[in-house]
């Protein structure tokens, strides 16, 4: 078995559940929530090494590519190198729960945030 040594991550100053690892042009983010880990990055090899190292530290199961986390849908367009997040399904469930699914929909105004 290959020895992975110690993996060094930098803790985010603003969110203690987010960690970053940089090696040359490769970057990986490790996001923790209770007993879930979301691992994202720009280098497949680095992500594989991190997963292998994590599996030496504790028992884990690789659930594959993430499509949802904490009610947030993750969508990708690899051809355009885009990654996006949406909470539309959460909002739909919320509106339905309070019988507001047929309410008039508006468009958020940037002026409201000024």
N, C-alpha and C. Protein backbone atom coordinates (compact mmCIF):
# COMPACT_ATOMS: atom_id res chain seq x y z
N UNK A 1 0.84 -1.18 0.00
CA UNK A 1 0.00 0.00 0.00
C UNK A 1 0.89 1.24 0.00
N UNK A 2 0.50 2.22 -0.80
CA UNK A 2 1.28 3.45 -0.90
C UNK A 2 1.10 4.30 0.36
N UNK A 3 2.18 4.86 0.85
CA UNK A 3 2.11 5.74 2.01
C UNK A 3 1.87 7.17 1.52
N UNK A 4 0.89 7.83 2.10
CA UNK A 4 0.54 9.18 1.67
C UNK A 4 1.08 10.24 2.61
N UNK A 5 1.68 9.83 3.72
CA UNK A 5 2.24 10.80 4.64
C UNK A 5 1.16 11.70 5.21
N UNK A 6 1.48 12.96 5.40
CA UNK A 6 0.54 13.92 5.97
C UNK A 6 0.05 14.83 4.87
N UNK A 7 -1.25 15.02 4.82
CA UNK A 7 -1.85 15.97 3.87
C UNK A 7 -2.01 17.29 4.61
N UNK A 8 -1.55 18.36 4.02
CA UNK A 8 -1.64 19.66 4.67
C UNK A 8 -2.71 20.49 3.96
N UNK A 9 -3.70 20.89 4.73
CA UNK A 9 -4.78 21.74 4.23
C UNK A 9 -4.76 23.04 4.99
N UNK A 10 -5.20 24.11 4.35
CA UNK A 10 -5.30 25.42 4.98
C UNK A 10 -6.76 25.64 5.35
N UNK A 11 -7.02 25.92 6.65
CA UNK A 11 -8.39 26.17 7.10
C UNK A 11 -8.83 27.56 6.65
N UNK A 12 -10.06 27.65 6.18
CA UNK A 12 -10.63 28.92 5.75
C UNK A 12 -10.86 29.80 6.98
N UNK A 13 -10.46 31.07 6.89
CA UNK A 13 -10.60 31.99 8.02
C UNK A 13 -12.06 32.31 8.34
N UNK A 14 -12.94 32.23 7.34
CA UNK A 14 -14.32 32.65 7.52
C UNK A 14 -15.28 31.49 7.77
N UNK A 15 -14.90 30.29 7.39
CA UNK A 15 -15.75 29.13 7.61
C UNK A 15 -14.88 27.96 8.05
N UNK A 16 -14.97 27.54 9.30
CA UNK A 16 -14.08 26.51 9.82
C UNK A 16 -14.34 25.11 9.24
N UNK A 17 -15.33 24.99 8.37
CA UNK A 17 -15.64 23.69 7.75
C UNK A 17 -15.07 23.57 6.34
N UNK A 18 -14.34 24.57 5.90
CA UNK A 18 -13.78 24.57 4.54
C UNK A 18 -12.26 24.61 4.62
N UNK A 19 -11.64 23.68 3.90
CA UNK A 19 -10.18 23.56 3.88
C UNK A 19 -9.70 23.55 2.44
N UNK A 20 -8.50 24.09 2.22
CA UNK A 20 -7.94 24.19 0.87
C UNK A 20 -6.55 23.58 0.85
N UNK A 21 -6.26 22.89 -0.24
CA UNK A 21 -4.92 22.33 -0.46
C UNK A 21 -4.46 22.81 -1.83
N UNK A 22 -3.25 23.35 -1.88
CA UNK A 22 -2.67 23.84 -3.13
C UNK A 22 -1.34 23.15 -3.35
N UNK A 23 -1.15 22.69 -4.58
CA UNK A 23 0.12 22.10 -4.97
C UNK A 23 0.38 22.50 -6.42
N UNK A 24 1.26 23.47 -6.60
CA UNK A 24 1.50 23.99 -7.94
C UNK A 24 0.23 24.63 -8.47
N UNK A 25 -0.23 24.18 -9.63
CA UNK A 25 -1.47 24.73 -10.20
C UNK A 25 -2.70 23.92 -9.79
N UNK A 26 -2.50 22.89 -8.99
CA UNK A 26 -3.62 22.06 -8.52
C UNK A 26 -4.19 22.62 -7.23
N UNK A 27 -5.52 22.68 -7.17
CA UNK A 27 -6.21 23.20 -5.99
C UNK A 27 -7.34 22.24 -5.65
N UNK A 28 -7.51 21.96 -4.36
CA UNK A 28 -8.62 21.12 -3.90
C UNK A 28 -9.24 21.78 -2.67
N UNK A 29 -10.56 21.67 -2.58
CA UNK A 29 -11.30 22.15 -1.43
C UNK A 29 -11.98 20.96 -0.77
N UNK A 30 -11.89 20.88 0.53
CA UNK A 30 -12.54 19.85 1.32
C UNK A 30 -13.55 20.57 2.20
N UNK A 31 -14.83 20.25 2.01
CA UNK A 31 -15.91 20.90 2.74
C UNK A 31 -16.55 19.85 3.65
N UNK A 32 -16.60 20.14 4.95
CA UNK A 32 -17.15 19.22 5.93
C UNK A 32 -18.52 19.68 6.41
N UNK A 33 -19.42 18.72 6.60
CA UNK A 33 -20.69 19.00 7.25
C UNK A 33 -21.10 17.75 8.01
N UNK A 34 -21.05 17.80 9.30
CA UNK A 34 -21.33 16.69 10.21
C UNK A 34 -20.50 15.48 9.78
N UNK A 35 -21.10 14.50 9.11
CA UNK A 35 -20.32 13.33 8.69
C UNK A 35 -20.21 13.22 7.18
N UNK A 36 -20.44 14.33 6.48
CA UNK A 36 -20.30 14.36 5.02
C UNK A 36 -19.09 15.20 4.63
N UNK A 37 -18.45 14.77 3.55
CA UNK A 37 -17.32 15.52 2.99
C UNK A 37 -17.61 15.75 1.52
N UNK A 38 -17.48 16.98 1.08
CA UNK A 38 -17.55 17.32 -0.34
C UNK A 38 -16.14 17.70 -0.74
N UNK A 39 -15.60 17.01 -1.72
CA UNK A 39 -14.23 17.25 -2.19
C UNK A 39 -14.30 17.72 -3.62
N UNK A 40 -13.78 18.91 -3.88
CA UNK A 40 -13.78 19.46 -5.23
C UNK A 40 -12.39 19.99 -5.56
N UNK A 41 -12.06 19.97 -6.83
CA UNK A 41 -10.75 20.47 -7.23
C UNK A 41 -10.58 20.44 -8.73
N UNK A 42 -9.42 20.89 -9.16
CA UNK A 42 -9.16 20.98 -10.59
C UNK A 42 -8.19 19.92 -11.10
N UNK A 43 -7.79 18.97 -10.26
CA UNK A 43 -6.83 17.94 -10.68
C UNK A 43 -7.29 16.57 -10.18
N UNK A 44 -7.66 15.71 -11.10
CA UNK A 44 -8.18 14.39 -10.76
C UNK A 44 -7.19 13.59 -9.93
N UNK A 45 -5.92 13.65 -10.27
CA UNK A 45 -4.91 12.89 -9.52
C UNK A 45 -4.84 13.36 -8.07
N UNK A 46 -4.84 14.66 -7.86
CA UNK A 46 -4.79 15.18 -6.50
C UNK A 46 -6.02 14.72 -5.72
N UNK A 47 -7.19 14.78 -6.33
CA UNK A 47 -8.41 14.35 -5.64
C UNK A 47 -8.33 12.87 -5.28
N UNK A 48 -7.80 12.06 -6.19
CA UNK A 48 -7.61 10.63 -5.90
C UNK A 48 -6.66 10.40 -4.75
N UNK A 49 -5.57 11.16 -4.72
CA UNK A 49 -4.60 11.05 -3.62
C UNK A 49 -5.23 11.44 -2.28
N UNK A 50 -6.04 12.50 -2.30
CA UNK A 50 -6.69 12.94 -1.06
C UNK A 50 -7.68 11.88 -0.58
N UNK A 51 -8.47 11.33 -1.51
CA UNK A 51 -9.42 10.27 -1.13
C UNK A 51 -8.69 9.06 -0.56
N UNK A 52 -7.59 8.69 -1.18
CA UNK A 52 -6.80 7.54 -0.69
C UNK A 52 -6.26 7.84 0.71
N UNK A 53 -5.75 9.05 0.92
CA UNK A 53 -5.24 9.42 2.24
C UNK A 53 -6.36 9.43 3.28
N UNK A 54 -7.51 10.02 2.92
CA UNK A 54 -8.63 10.05 3.86
C UNK A 54 -9.06 8.64 4.26
N UNK A 55 -9.03 7.72 3.30
CA UNK A 55 -9.45 6.35 3.61
C UNK A 55 -8.47 5.64 4.53
N UNK A 56 -7.23 6.15 4.64
CA UNK A 56 -6.29 5.58 5.61
C UNK A 56 -6.52 6.15 7.01
N UNK A 57 -7.25 7.27 7.09
CA UNK A 57 -7.48 7.94 8.37
C UNK A 57 -8.76 7.47 9.05
N UNK A 58 -9.76 7.08 8.27
CA UNK A 58 -11.03 6.61 8.82
C UNK A 58 -11.81 5.86 7.76
N UNK A 59 -12.80 5.13 8.20
CA UNK A 59 -13.65 4.37 7.28
C UNK A 59 -14.53 5.34 6.50
N UNK A 60 -14.55 5.20 5.19
CA UNK A 60 -15.36 6.11 4.38
C UNK A 60 -15.87 5.40 3.15
N UNK A 61 -16.89 5.98 2.56
CA UNK A 61 -17.48 5.45 1.34
C UNK A 61 -17.52 6.57 0.32
N UNK A 62 -16.96 6.34 -0.86
CA UNK A 62 -16.98 7.32 -1.94
C UNK A 62 -18.33 7.23 -2.63
N UNK A 63 -19.12 8.27 -2.53
CA UNK A 63 -20.47 8.29 -3.11
C UNK A 63 -20.47 8.75 -4.56
N UNK A 64 -19.28 8.97 -5.12
CA UNK A 64 -19.22 9.40 -6.52
C UNK A 64 -19.41 10.90 -6.66
N UNK A 65 -19.72 11.29 -7.88
CA UNK A 65 -19.87 12.70 -8.19
C UNK A 65 -21.11 13.28 -7.49
N UNK A 66 -20.93 14.39 -6.83
CA UNK A 66 -22.03 15.03 -6.09
C UNK A 66 -22.99 15.73 -7.04
N UNK A 67 -24.28 15.57 -6.76
CA UNK A 67 -25.28 16.32 -7.52
C UNK A 67 -26.12 17.19 -6.58
N UNK A 68 -26.18 16.82 -5.30
CA UNK A 68 -26.87 17.60 -4.27
C UNK A 68 -26.06 17.56 -2.99
N UNK A 69 -26.07 18.66 -2.25
CA UNK A 69 -25.52 18.68 -0.90
C UNK A 69 -26.28 19.75 -0.11
N UNK A 70 -26.80 19.35 1.04
CA UNK A 70 -27.54 20.25 1.92
C UNK A 70 -28.68 20.97 1.20
N UNK A 71 -29.38 20.28 0.31
CA UNK A 71 -30.50 20.87 -0.41
C UNK A 71 -30.09 21.78 -1.55
N UNK A 72 -28.82 21.81 -1.86
CA UNK A 72 -28.32 22.66 -2.95
C UNK A 72 -27.95 21.75 -4.12
N UNK A 73 -28.53 22.03 -5.29
CA UNK A 73 -28.23 21.25 -6.47
C UNK A 73 -26.94 21.78 -7.11
N UNK A 74 -26.07 20.85 -7.45
CA UNK A 74 -24.81 21.20 -8.10
C UNK A 74 -24.95 20.82 -9.57
N UNK A 75 -24.70 21.76 -10.46
CA UNK A 75 -24.78 21.43 -11.88
C UNK A 75 -23.48 21.85 -12.57
N UNK A 76 -23.15 21.10 -13.60
CA UNK A 76 -21.88 21.32 -14.31
C UNK A 76 -22.12 21.39 -15.81
N UNK A 77 -21.29 22.17 -16.44
CA UNK A 77 -21.20 22.17 -17.90
C UNK A 77 -19.71 22.09 -18.20
N UNK A 78 -19.24 20.86 -18.31
CA UNK A 78 -17.79 20.66 -18.47
C UNK A 78 -17.27 21.26 -19.77
N UNK A 79 -18.08 21.24 -20.82
CA UNK A 79 -17.61 21.78 -22.11
C UNK A 79 -17.31 23.28 -22.00
N UNK A 80 -18.04 23.97 -21.11
CA UNK A 80 -17.81 25.41 -20.92
C UNK A 80 -17.05 25.69 -19.63
N UNK A 81 -16.64 24.61 -18.92
CA UNK A 81 -15.90 24.72 -17.67
C UNK A 81 -16.64 25.56 -16.63
N UNK A 82 -17.96 25.25 -16.48
CA UNK A 82 -18.80 25.98 -15.54
C UNK A 82 -19.29 25.05 -14.44
N UNK A 83 -19.41 25.60 -13.26
CA UNK A 83 -19.94 24.90 -12.10
C UNK A 83 -20.93 25.85 -11.45
N UNK A 84 -22.14 25.37 -11.17
CA UNK A 84 -23.15 26.25 -10.59
C UNK A 84 -23.88 25.59 -9.45
N UNK A 85 -24.56 26.41 -8.67
CA UNK A 85 -25.34 25.94 -7.54
C UNK A 85 -26.72 26.57 -7.62
N UNK A 86 -27.75 25.80 -7.23
CA UNK A 86 -29.10 26.35 -7.20
C UNK A 86 -29.88 25.72 -6.05
N UNK A 87 -30.76 26.50 -5.46
CA UNK A 87 -31.64 26.01 -4.40
C UNK A 87 -33.09 25.99 -4.87
N UNK A 88 -33.31 25.93 -6.17
CA UNK A 88 -34.67 26.00 -6.70
C UNK A 88 -35.57 24.88 -6.17
N UNK A 89 -35.05 23.66 -6.05
CA UNK A 89 -35.91 22.57 -5.55
C UNK A 89 -36.27 22.80 -4.08
N UNK A 90 -35.36 23.35 -3.30
CA UNK A 90 -35.65 23.69 -1.91
C UNK A 90 -36.75 24.74 -1.85
N UNK A 91 -36.64 25.75 -2.70
CA UNK A 91 -37.63 26.82 -2.72
C UNK A 91 -38.99 26.27 -3.13
N UNK A 92 -39.02 25.38 -4.14
CA UNK A 92 -40.28 24.77 -4.58
C UNK A 92 -40.92 23.98 -3.44
N UNK A 93 -40.14 23.19 -2.71
CA UNK A 93 -40.67 22.42 -1.57
C UNK A 93 -41.22 23.35 -0.49
N UNK A 94 -40.49 24.44 -0.23
CA UNK A 94 -40.89 25.41 0.77
C UNK A 94 -42.23 26.04 0.39
N UNK A 95 -42.36 26.48 -0.87
CA UNK A 95 -43.60 27.10 -1.33
C UNK A 95 -44.77 26.12 -1.26
N UNK A 96 -44.50 24.87 -1.65
CA UNK A 96 -45.56 23.85 -1.61
C UNK A 96 -45.99 23.58 -0.16
N UNK A 97 -45.05 23.51 0.74
CA UNK A 97 -45.35 23.25 2.15
C UNK A 97 -46.31 24.28 2.72
N UNK A 98 -46.14 25.54 2.30
CA UNK A 98 -46.98 26.61 2.80
C UNK A 98 -48.08 27.00 1.81
N UNK A 99 -48.35 26.07 0.86
CA UNK A 99 -49.42 26.25 -0.13
C UNK A 99 -49.29 27.56 -0.89
N UNK A 100 -48.06 27.86 -1.29
CA UNK A 100 -47.79 29.10 -2.03
C UNK A 100 -47.20 28.81 -3.41
N UNK A 101 -47.30 27.54 -3.87
CA UNK A 101 -46.66 27.17 -5.12
C UNK A 101 -47.25 27.88 -6.34
N UNK A 102 -48.45 28.45 -6.22
CA UNK A 102 -49.07 29.16 -7.34
C UNK A 102 -48.95 30.68 -7.18
N UNK A 103 -48.15 31.12 -6.24
CA UNK A 103 -47.96 32.55 -6.01
C UNK A 103 -47.27 33.19 -7.20
N UNK A 104 -47.50 34.49 -7.33
CA UNK A 104 -46.84 35.25 -8.38
C UNK A 104 -45.34 35.27 -8.10
N UNK A 105 -44.58 35.01 -9.13
CA UNK A 105 -43.11 34.99 -8.98
C UNK A 105 -42.53 36.31 -9.45
N UNK A 106 -41.52 36.75 -8.77
CA UNK A 106 -40.87 38.00 -9.13
C UNK A 106 -39.42 37.74 -9.49
N UNK A 107 -38.76 38.76 -9.93
CA UNK A 107 -37.34 38.69 -10.24
C UNK A 107 -36.61 39.54 -9.22
N UNK A 108 -35.61 38.97 -8.55
CA UNK A 108 -34.87 39.77 -7.56
C UNK A 108 -34.25 41.00 -8.19
N UNK A 109 -34.34 42.07 -7.47
CA UNK A 109 -33.76 43.33 -7.95
C UNK A 109 -32.44 43.58 -7.26
N UNK A 110 -31.43 43.93 -8.04
CA UNK A 110 -30.13 44.26 -7.45
C UNK A 110 -30.22 45.54 -6.62
N UNK A 111 -31.19 46.40 -6.97
CA UNK A 111 -31.34 47.66 -6.25
C UNK A 111 -31.72 47.40 -4.79
N UNK A 112 -32.43 46.30 -4.53
CA UNK A 112 -32.84 46.00 -3.16
C UNK A 112 -31.64 45.76 -2.25
N UNK A 113 -30.50 45.40 -2.81
CA UNK A 113 -29.32 45.09 -2.02
C UNK A 113 -28.39 46.29 -1.88
N UNK A 114 -28.70 47.37 -2.56
CA UNK A 114 -27.83 48.57 -2.49
C UNK A 114 -28.04 49.35 -1.24
